[in-house]
Amino acid sequence: MNDTDPAPLHKANPRHVQPEDEVFSIFFIFKIKEEYRARLLQQFTTHVAKTRSEEPGNLVFDLYTIDGQDDTLVIYEHWRTESDLWDIHFQQPYAIETGKLLEQAMVGDMKQYLNIVSEF
């Protein structure tokens, strides 16, 4: 996998899991129509930056590309609670805008690509 802009934080992440956090994690590995790739990467530049800076419930939000697979993107997310994702994040204007673009750009249905991590 390749880093994108803004780059994944990895060990430089200033946020850490707290004892009271439930930690809800997802992998979202999805196929896109190639004509939307540049536009999606540009949208995610804003989306990732705003998620990290404006949402205290977000612990990790990283976007990756994959070598040799220009039609595939990977999102890796950790949230303090499940509701931080469903009830707060998806209500943000930039998340709504990204969702609308993904509906056009994604091959297939969004739900087929969402993977919830239940154990580490």
Protein backbone atom coordinates (compact mmCIF):
# COMPACT_ATOMS: atom_id res chain seq x y z
CA MET A 1 0.00 0.00 0.00
CA ASN A 2 1.10 3.56 -0.63
CA ASP A 3 0.63 6.59 1.58
CA THR A 4 -1.53 9.45 0.31
CA ASP A 5 -1.84 13.15 1.12
CA PRO A 6 -2.30 13.84 3.96
CA ALA A 7 -0.03 10.94 4.84
CA PRO A 8 -1.12 8.25 7.28
CA LEU A 9 0.06 9.13 10.77
CA HIS A 10 1.24 5.67 11.85
CA LYS A 11 3.25 6.05 15.07
CA ALA A 12 3.20 9.87 14.83
CA ASN A 13 -0.51 9.93 15.69
CA PRO A 14 -1.06 12.32 18.62
CA ARG A 15 -4.31 10.59 19.63
CA HIS A 16 -4.33 7.53 21.83
CA VAL A 17 -6.96 5.10 23.05
CA GLN A 18 -8.24 5.98 26.51
CA PRO A 19 -9.56 3.45 29.04
CA GLU A 20 -13.13 4.64 28.51
CA ASP A 21 -12.96 4.28 24.71
CA GLU A 22 -14.92 1.44 23.16
CA VAL A 23 -12.81 1.62 19.97
CA PHE A 24 -14.72 0.92 16.78
CA SER A 25 -12.51 0.10 13.79
CA ILE A 26 -13.18 -0.41 10.10
CA PHE A 27 -11.35 -1.24 6.90
CA PHE A 28 -12.95 0.06 3.76
CA ILE A 29 -11.27 -1.43 0.68
CA PHE A 30 -13.16 -0.41 -2.43
CA LYS A 31 -13.03 -0.32 -6.20
CA ILE A 32 -13.55 2.94 -8.07
CA LYS A 33 -14.12 3.97 -11.65
CA GLU A 34 -10.76 5.20 -12.90
CA GLU A 35 -12.14 8.48 -14.22
CA TYR A 36 -12.98 9.47 -10.62
CA ARG A 37 -9.60 8.61 -9.07
CA ALA A 38 -7.99 12.08 -9.15
CA ARG A 39 -11.19 13.77 -7.97
CA LEU A 40 -11.60 11.30 -5.09
CA LEU A 41 -8.00 11.67 -3.96
CA GLN A 42 -8.43 15.45 -3.97
CA GLN A 43 -11.67 15.19 -1.97
CA PHE A 44 -10.04 12.86 0.54
CA THR A 45 -7.22 15.38 1.06
CA THR A 46 -9.81 17.67 2.66
CA HIS A 47 -11.86 14.85 4.20
CA VAL A 48 -8.93 13.24 6.03
CA ALA A 49 -7.53 16.56 7.26
CA LYS A 50 -10.88 17.73 8.61
CA THR A 51 -11.71 14.38 10.20
CA ARG A 52 -8.40 14.35 12.04
CA SER A 53 -8.51 18.00 13.13
CA GLU A 54 -12.22 18.53 13.83
CA GLU A 55 -13.54 15.24 15.19
CA PRO A 56 -12.38 14.35 18.71
CA GLY A 57 -13.99 10.91 18.37
CA ASN A 58 -11.60 9.96 15.60
CA LEU A 59 -8.41 8.14 16.60
CA VAL A 60 -7.13 7.13 13.15
CA PHE A 61 -8.25 8.02 9.65
CA ASP A 62 -5.79 6.88 6.99
CA LEU A 63 -6.19 6.59 3.23
CA TYR A 64 -3.97 4.39 1.05
CA THR A 65 -3.56 3.54 -2.61
CA ILE A 66 -2.37 0.11 -3.76
CA ASP A 67 0.58 -0.54 -6.08
CA GLY A 68 -0.61 -1.66 -9.49
CA GLN A 69 -4.30 -1.24 -8.62
CA ASP A 70 -5.31 2.28 -9.61
CA ASP A 71 -8.96 1.27 -9.24
CA THR A 72 -8.68 0.45 -5.51
CA LEU A 73 -8.47 2.66 -2.41
CA VAL A 74 -8.16 1.65 1.24
CA ILE A 75 -9.46 3.56 4.26
CA TYR A 76 -8.45 2.48 7.76
CA GLU A 77 -10.32 4.10 10.67
CA HIS A 78 -10.46 3.91 14.47
CA TRP A 79 -13.18 5.72 16.44
CA ARG A 80 -13.56 6.16 20.19
CA THR A 81 -17.12 4.80 19.92
CA GLU A 82 -19.25 3.40 17.13
CA SER A 83 -21.60 6.41 17.36
CA ASP A 84 -18.68 8.76 16.66
CA LEU A 85 -18.65 7.28 13.15
CA TRP A 86 -22.33 6.74 12.38
CA ASP A 87 -23.94 9.62 14.31
CA ILE A 88 -21.29 12.35 14.10
CA HIS A 89 -18.80 11.75 11.29
CA PHE A 90 -21.31 10.92 8.59
CA GLN A 91 -23.26 14.10 9.43
CA GLN A 92 -20.31 16.41 8.71
CA PRO A 93 -20.62 18.47 5.49
CA TYR A 94 -17.33 17.15 4.09
CA ALA A 95 -18.37 13.54 4.81
CA ILE A 96 -21.70 14.10 3.07
CA GLU A 97 -19.88 15.58 0.07
CA THR A 98 -17.44 12.65 -0.04
CA GLY A 99 -20.32 10.18 0.25
CA LYS A 100 -22.10 11.72 -2.73
CA LEU A 101 -18.91 11.52 -4.79
CA LEU A 102 -18.33 7.91 -3.70
CA GLU A 103 -21.85 6.96 -4.82
CA GLN A 104 -20.88 8.05 -8.35
CA ALA A 105 -17.31 6.78 -8.30
CA MET A 106 -17.60 3.40 -6.61
CA VAL A 107 -17.96 0.16 -8.50
CA GLY A 108 -20.87 -1.62 -6.83
CA ASP A 109 -22.45 -0.85 -3.48
CA MET A 110 -20.62 0.78 -0.57
CA LYS A 111 -21.85 -1.84 1.92
CA GLN A 112 -20.10 -4.67 0.07
CA TYR A 113 -16.71 -3.11 0.85
CA LEU A 114 -17.13 -2.16 4.53
CA ASN A 115 -15.30 -4.43 6.99
CA ILE A 116 -15.84 -3.92 10.71
CA VAL A 117 -12.98 -5.15 12.89
CA SER A 118 -14.38 -7.01 15.86
CA GLU A 119 -11.13 -8.35 17.36
CA PHE A 120 -7.47 -7.38 17.35
